[in-house]
Amino acid sequence: MKTISLAVLLCLAISSIAFADDTAFKKGEEVFNRNCAKCHGEKGSGTDKGPPLIHKIYHPNHHSDLSFRWAVERGARSHHWRFGDMPKIDGVSKEDTEKIIIYVRTLQKEAGIF
């Protein structure tokens, strides 16, 4: 029974990815640019300090929204790239994290990642 409920939760999480209207996208872009772009690049394109988020590795089936939340809140261990561990990002609220996720997922969708 636990396996079934976990599968259902996973499907719901993937299907509940929110995409931005213009206002939400712009707010997410502002928060991303302030907190993420120095490492993940303009529009999530990557830099020599951090990986591109507009990449199939970050497809929601492989890195859920929860992965992004935890990366901001807790940091992330290096596991796909050679940039080193990502530190937690202090000062980013849960609300701002959701804006970042909407922004990144919208860019991914526009790039045909899902």
N, C-alpha and C. Protein backbone atom coordinates (compact mmCIF):
# COMPACT_ATOMS: atom_id res chain seq x y z
N MET A 1 0.81 -1.18 0.00
CA MET A 1 0.00 0.00 0.00
C MET A 1 0.86 1.26 0.00
N LYS A 2 2.01 1.25 0.70
CA LYS A 2 2.88 2.42 0.72
C LYS A 2 3.42 2.73 -0.66
N THR A 3 3.74 1.70 -1.45
CA THR A 3 4.26 1.90 -2.79
C THR A 3 3.23 2.59 -3.67
N ILE A 4 1.99 2.18 -3.57
CA ILE A 4 0.95 2.80 -4.37
C ILE A 4 0.78 4.26 -3.97
N SER A 5 0.73 4.54 -2.70
CA SER A 5 0.53 5.93 -2.29
C SER A 5 1.73 6.80 -2.64
N LEU A 6 2.93 6.26 -2.60
CA LEU A 6 4.10 7.02 -3.00
C LEU A 6 4.03 7.32 -4.50
N ALA A 7 3.65 6.35 -5.30
CA ALA A 7 3.52 6.56 -6.74
C ALA A 7 2.47 7.62 -7.05
N VAL A 8 1.36 7.57 -6.35
CA VAL A 8 0.31 8.56 -6.55
C VAL A 8 0.82 9.95 -6.18
N LEU A 9 1.51 10.07 -5.06
CA LEU A 9 2.06 11.37 -4.65
C LEU A 9 3.06 11.90 -5.67
N LEU A 10 3.88 11.03 -6.20
CA LEU A 10 4.86 11.44 -7.20
C LEU A 10 4.17 11.96 -8.45
N CYS A 11 3.16 11.25 -8.91
CA CYS A 11 2.42 11.70 -10.09
C CYS A 11 1.74 13.04 -9.84
N LEU A 12 1.16 13.20 -8.67
CA LEU A 12 0.52 14.46 -8.34
C LEU A 12 1.53 15.60 -8.28
N ALA A 13 2.69 15.33 -7.71
CA ALA A 13 3.72 16.36 -7.62
C ALA A 13 4.19 16.80 -9.00
N ILE A 14 4.40 15.84 -9.89
CA ILE A 14 4.86 16.17 -11.23
C ILE A 14 3.78 16.90 -12.01
N SER A 15 2.53 16.45 -11.87
CA SER A 15 1.45 17.07 -12.63
C SER A 15 1.05 18.43 -12.08
N SER A 16 1.48 18.77 -10.87
CA SER A 16 1.07 20.04 -10.27
C SER A 16 2.06 21.16 -10.52
N ILE A 17 3.03 20.93 -11.38
CA ILE A 17 4.00 21.98 -11.68
C ILE A 17 3.26 23.18 -12.25
N ALA A 18 3.47 24.31 -11.62
CA ALA A 18 2.77 25.52 -12.04
C ALA A 18 3.61 26.26 -13.08
N PHE A 19 2.95 26.78 -14.06
CA PHE A 19 3.64 27.60 -15.04
C PHE A 19 3.16 29.03 -14.86
N ALA A 20 4.02 29.93 -15.20
CA ALA A 20 3.82 31.33 -14.84
C ALA A 20 2.98 32.08 -15.84
N ASP A 21 2.19 32.99 -15.30
CA ASP A 21 1.67 34.05 -16.14
C ASP A 21 2.80 35.08 -16.21
N ASP A 22 2.61 36.13 -16.96
CA ASP A 22 3.68 37.13 -17.13
C ASP A 22 4.17 37.72 -15.81
N THR A 23 3.25 38.04 -14.92
CA THR A 23 3.62 38.67 -13.65
C THR A 23 4.44 37.71 -12.79
N ALA A 24 3.97 36.47 -12.65
CA ALA A 24 4.69 35.48 -11.84
C ALA A 24 6.06 35.19 -12.44
N PHE A 25 6.13 35.12 -13.76
CA PHE A 25 7.41 34.88 -14.42
C PHE A 25 8.39 36.01 -14.12
N LYS A 26 7.94 37.24 -14.23
CA LYS A 26 8.82 38.39 -13.99
C LYS A 26 9.28 38.47 -12.54
N LYS A 27 8.37 38.16 -11.62
CA LYS A 27 8.77 38.14 -10.20
C LYS A 27 9.79 37.04 -9.96
N GLY A 28 9.57 35.88 -10.55
CA GLY A 28 10.53 34.78 -10.42
C GLY A 28 11.88 35.13 -11.02
N GLU A 29 11.85 35.82 -12.14
CA GLU A 29 13.09 36.24 -12.79
C GLU A 29 13.87 37.19 -11.89
N GLU A 30 13.17 38.12 -11.26
CA GLU A 30 13.84 39.07 -10.35
C GLU A 30 14.51 38.34 -9.19
N VAL A 31 13.79 37.41 -8.57
CA VAL A 31 14.34 36.67 -7.44
C VAL A 31 15.51 35.79 -7.90
N PHE A 32 15.36 35.13 -9.05
CA PHE A 32 16.42 34.30 -9.60
C PHE A 32 17.67 35.14 -9.87
N ASN A 33 17.49 36.27 -10.53
CA ASN A 33 18.64 37.12 -10.86
C ASN A 33 19.36 37.61 -9.61
N ARG A 34 18.63 37.88 -8.56
CA ARG A 34 19.21 38.36 -7.30
C ARG A 34 19.96 37.27 -6.55
N ASN A 35 19.49 36.03 -6.64
CA ASN A 35 20.01 34.97 -5.77
C ASN A 35 20.69 33.80 -6.48
N CYS A 36 20.42 33.61 -7.74
CA CYS A 36 20.86 32.37 -8.40
C CYS A 36 21.75 32.60 -9.63
N ALA A 37 21.52 33.70 -10.33
CA ALA A 37 22.17 33.92 -11.63
C ALA A 37 23.69 34.00 -11.55
N LYS A 38 24.24 34.45 -10.42
CA LYS A 38 25.71 34.58 -10.37
C LYS A 38 26.38 33.21 -10.54
N CYS A 39 25.70 32.14 -10.17
CA CYS A 39 26.27 30.80 -10.37
C CYS A 39 25.59 30.05 -11.51
N HIS A 40 24.27 30.16 -11.60
CA HIS A 40 23.53 29.39 -12.60
C HIS A 40 23.32 30.13 -13.91
N GLY A 41 23.81 31.36 -13.99
CA GLY A 41 23.79 32.10 -15.24
C GLY A 41 22.48 32.77 -15.56
N GLU A 42 22.58 33.70 -16.50
CA GLU A 42 21.39 34.39 -16.99
C GLU A 42 20.44 33.37 -17.59
N LYS A 43 19.20 33.43 -17.18
CA LYS A 43 18.15 32.51 -17.65
C LYS A 43 18.52 31.05 -17.41
N GLY A 44 19.32 30.80 -16.37
CA GLY A 44 19.65 29.43 -15.99
C GLY A 44 20.58 28.73 -16.96
N SER A 45 21.36 29.51 -17.70
CA SER A 45 22.22 28.94 -18.75
C SER A 45 23.53 28.36 -18.23
N GLY A 46 23.84 28.56 -16.95
CA GLY A 46 25.06 28.04 -16.36
C GLY A 46 26.23 29.01 -16.47
N THR A 47 27.21 28.80 -15.61
CA THR A 47 28.45 29.59 -15.63
C THR A 47 29.59 28.65 -15.25
N ASP A 48 30.76 29.21 -15.06
CA ASP A 48 31.88 28.39 -14.60
C ASP A 48 31.78 28.10 -13.10
N LYS A 49 30.74 28.66 -12.44
CA LYS A 49 30.53 28.43 -11.01
C LYS A 49 29.36 27.50 -10.71
N GLY A 50 28.49 27.26 -11.69
CA GLY A 50 27.32 26.43 -11.44
C GLY A 50 26.71 25.92 -12.73
N PRO A 51 25.99 24.82 -12.64
CA PRO A 51 25.44 24.17 -13.84
C PRO A 51 24.24 24.90 -14.44
N PRO A 52 23.96 24.61 -15.70
CA PRO A 52 22.76 25.15 -16.31
C PRO A 52 21.53 24.44 -15.75
N LEU A 53 20.53 25.20 -15.40
CA LEU A 53 19.27 24.61 -14.94
C LEU A 53 18.33 24.33 -16.11
N ILE A 54 18.63 24.92 -17.24
CA ILE A 54 17.85 24.67 -18.44
C ILE A 54 18.57 23.53 -19.17
N HIS A 55 18.41 22.36 -18.61
CA HIS A 55 19.11 21.16 -19.07
C HIS A 55 18.24 19.95 -18.73
N LYS A 56 18.28 18.94 -19.56
CA LYS A 56 17.41 17.78 -19.36
C LYS A 56 17.65 17.07 -18.02
N ILE A 57 18.82 17.24 -17.43
CA ILE A 57 19.07 16.64 -16.11
C ILE A 57 18.09 17.18 -15.07
N TYR A 58 17.65 18.42 -15.27
CA TYR A 58 16.74 19.04 -14.29
C TYR A 58 15.27 18.89 -14.68
N HIS A 59 14.98 17.96 -15.58
CA HIS A 59 13.60 17.63 -15.92
C HIS A 59 12.87 17.25 -14.64
N PRO A 60 11.60 17.63 -14.50
CA PRO A 60 10.87 17.34 -13.27
C PRO A 60 10.81 15.86 -12.88
N ASN A 61 10.94 14.97 -13.84
CA ASN A 61 10.96 13.54 -13.50
C ASN A 61 12.27 13.13 -12.84
N HIS A 62 13.30 13.93 -13.01
CA HIS A 62 14.60 13.60 -12.42
C HIS A 62 14.92 14.48 -11.22
N HIS A 63 14.57 15.74 -11.30
CA HIS A 63 14.73 16.69 -10.19
C HIS A 63 13.40 17.39 -9.98
N SER A 64 12.66 16.92 -9.01
CA SER A 64 11.34 17.49 -8.74
C SER A 64 11.47 18.90 -8.17
N ASP A 65 10.33 19.56 -8.04
CA ASP A 65 10.33 20.88 -7.41
C ASP A 65 10.89 20.79 -5.99
N LEU A 66 10.63 19.68 -5.32
CA LEU A 66 11.15 19.49 -3.97
C LEU A 66 12.69 19.53 -3.97
N SER A 67 13.31 19.00 -5.00
CA SER A 67 14.78 19.06 -5.11
C SER A 67 15.26 20.49 -5.15
N PHE A 68 14.55 21.33 -5.89
CA PHE A 68 14.91 22.75 -5.95
C PHE A 68 14.70 23.41 -4.59
N ARG A 69 13.58 23.10 -3.93
CA ARG A 69 13.32 23.68 -2.61
C ARG A 69 14.44 23.32 -1.64
N TRP A 70 14.79 22.04 -1.62
CA TRP A 70 15.83 21.59 -0.69
C TRP A 70 17.18 22.19 -1.04
N ALA A 71 17.48 22.36 -2.32
CA ALA A 71 18.76 22.96 -2.70
C ALA A 71 18.87 24.38 -2.14
N VAL A 72 17.79 25.13 -2.23
CA VAL A 72 17.81 26.50 -1.69
C VAL A 72 17.91 26.46 -0.16
N GLU A 73 17.08 25.63 0.47
CA GLU A 73 17.01 25.60 1.93
C GLU A 73 18.18 24.90 2.60
N ARG A 74 18.70 23.85 1.96
CA ARG A 74 19.71 23.00 2.61
C ARG A 74 21.04 22.94 1.88
N GLY A 75 21.05 23.40 0.64
CA GLY A 75 22.22 23.20 -0.19
C GLY A 75 22.09 21.87 -0.91
N ALA A 76 23.04 21.57 -1.78
CA ALA A 76 22.99 20.32 -2.53
C ALA A 76 24.41 19.80 -2.75
N ARG A 77 24.55 18.50 -2.60
CA ARG A 77 25.85 17.88 -2.86
C ARG A 77 26.06 17.75 -4.36
N SER A 78 27.26 17.96 -4.80
CA SER A 78 27.60 17.83 -6.20
C SER A 78 27.40 16.38 -6.62
N HIS A 79 26.60 16.16 -7.68
CA HIS A 79 26.37 14.79 -8.10
C HIS A 79 26.24 14.62 -9.61
N HIS A 80 26.04 15.67 -10.37
CA HIS A 80 25.99 15.56 -11.83
C HIS A 80 27.13 16.34 -12.49
N TRP A 81 27.63 17.32 -11.80
CA TRP A 81 28.58 18.26 -12.37
C TRP A 81 29.81 18.37 -11.47
N ARG A 82 30.81 19.04 -11.93
CA ARG A 82 32.05 19.22 -11.16
C ARG A 82 32.22 20.64 -10.63
N PHE A 83 31.15 21.22 -10.18
CA PHE A 83 31.21 22.59 -9.66
C PHE A 83 31.39 22.61 -8.15
N GLY A 84 31.33 21.47 -7.51
CA GLY A 84 31.37 21.42 -6.06
C GLY A 84 29.97 21.51 -5.49
N ASP A 85 29.87 21.40 -4.19
CA ASP A 85 28.58 21.43 -3.52
C ASP A 85 27.97 22.82 -3.60
N MET A 86 26.65 22.86 -3.66
CA MET A 86 25.93 24.13 -3.63
C MET A 86 25.61 24.45 -2.18
N PRO A 87 25.99 25.63 -1.70
CA PRO A 87 25.62 26.00 -0.33
C PRO A 87 24.14 26.36 -0.26
N LYS A 88 23.56 26.28 0.92
CA LYS A 88 22.18 26.76 1.07
C LYS A 88 22.19 28.26 0.81
N ILE A 89 21.06 28.77 0.39
CA ILE A 89 20.96 30.18 0.05
C ILE A 89 20.20 30.89 1.16
N ASP A 90 20.93 31.58 2.00
CA ASP A 90 20.32 32.29 3.13
C ASP A 90 19.51 33.49 2.63
N GLY A 91 18.44 33.77 3.34
CA GLY A 91 17.66 34.96 3.06
C GLY A 91 16.62 34.81 1.97
N VAL A 92 16.47 33.61 1.42
CA VAL A 92 15.45 33.39 0.40
C VAL A 92 14.26 32.72 1.07
N SER A 93 13.13 33.39 1.05
CA SER A 93 11.93 32.87 1.69
C SER A 93 11.35 31.71 0.90
N LYS A 94 10.45 30.98 1.54
CA LYS A 94 9.75 29.89 0.84
C LYS A 94 8.96 30.45 -0.34
N GLU A 95 8.36 31.60 -0.15
CA GLU A 95 7.60 32.24 -1.23
C GLU A 95 8.52 32.58 -2.41
N ASP A 96 9.69 33.12 -2.11
CA ASP A 96 10.65 33.44 -3.18
C ASP A 96 11.17 32.18 -3.85
N THR A 97 11.35 31.12 -3.09
CA THR A 97 11.79 29.85 -3.67
C THR A 97 10.76 29.35 -4.68
N GLU A 98 9.48 29.48 -4.35
CA GLU A 98 8.42 29.07 -5.28
C GLU A 98 8.46 29.92 -6.55
N LYS A 99 8.76 31.19 -6.41
CA LYS A 99 8.88 32.06 -7.58
C LYS A 99 10.04 31.62 -8.46
N ILE A 100 11.15 31.24 -7.85
CA ILE A 100 12.31 30.74 -8.60
C ILE A 100 11.93 29.49 -9.37
N ILE A 101 11.23 28.59 -8.71
CA ILE A 101 10.83 27.33 -9.35
C ILE A 101 9.92 27.60 -10.55
N ILE A 102 8.95 28.49 -10.38
CA ILE A 102 8.06 28.83 -11.50
C ILE A 102 8.87 29.39 -12.67
N TYR A 103 9.80 30.26 -12.36
CA TYR A 103 10.65 30.86 -13.39
C TYR A 103 11.46 29.79 -14.13
N VAL A 104 12.14 28.93 -13.40
CA VAL A 104 12.99 27.90 -14.02
C VAL A 104 12.14 26.92 -14.82
N ARG A 105 11.04 26.46 -14.26
CA ARG A 105 10.19 25.50 -14.97
C ARG A 105 9.61 26.11 -16.24
N THR A 106 9.28 27.39 -16.20
CA THR A 106 8.76 28.04 -17.40
C THR A 106 9.84 28.11 -18.48
N LEU A 107 11.07 28.47 -18.08
CA LEU A 107 12.17 28.49 -19.04
C LEU A 107 12.42 27.09 -19.61
N GLN A 108 12.34 26.08 -18.76
CA GLN A 108 12.53 24.70 -19.23
C GLN A 108 11.46 24.34 -20.25
N LYS A 109 10.23 24.68 -19.96
CA LYS A 109 9.14 24.37 -20.88
C LYS A 109 9.37 25.07 -22.22
N GLU A 110 9.75 26.35 -22.18
CA GLU A 110 10.02 27.10 -23.40
C GLU A 110 11.16 26.47 -24.20
N ALA A 111 12.12 25.85 -23.50
CA ALA A 111 13.26 25.21 -24.17
C ALA A 111 12.94 23.80 -24.64
N GLY A 112 11.71 23.33 -24.36
CA GLY A 112 11.32 22.00 -24.82
C GLY A 112 11.82 20.86 -23.95
N ILE A 113 12.21 21.17 -22.72
CA ILE A 113 12.72 20.14 -21.83
C ILE A 113 11.59 19.24 -21.36
N PHE A 114 10.38 19.75 -21.25
CA PHE A 114 9.22 18.92 -20.95
C PHE A 114 7.97 19.56 -21.46
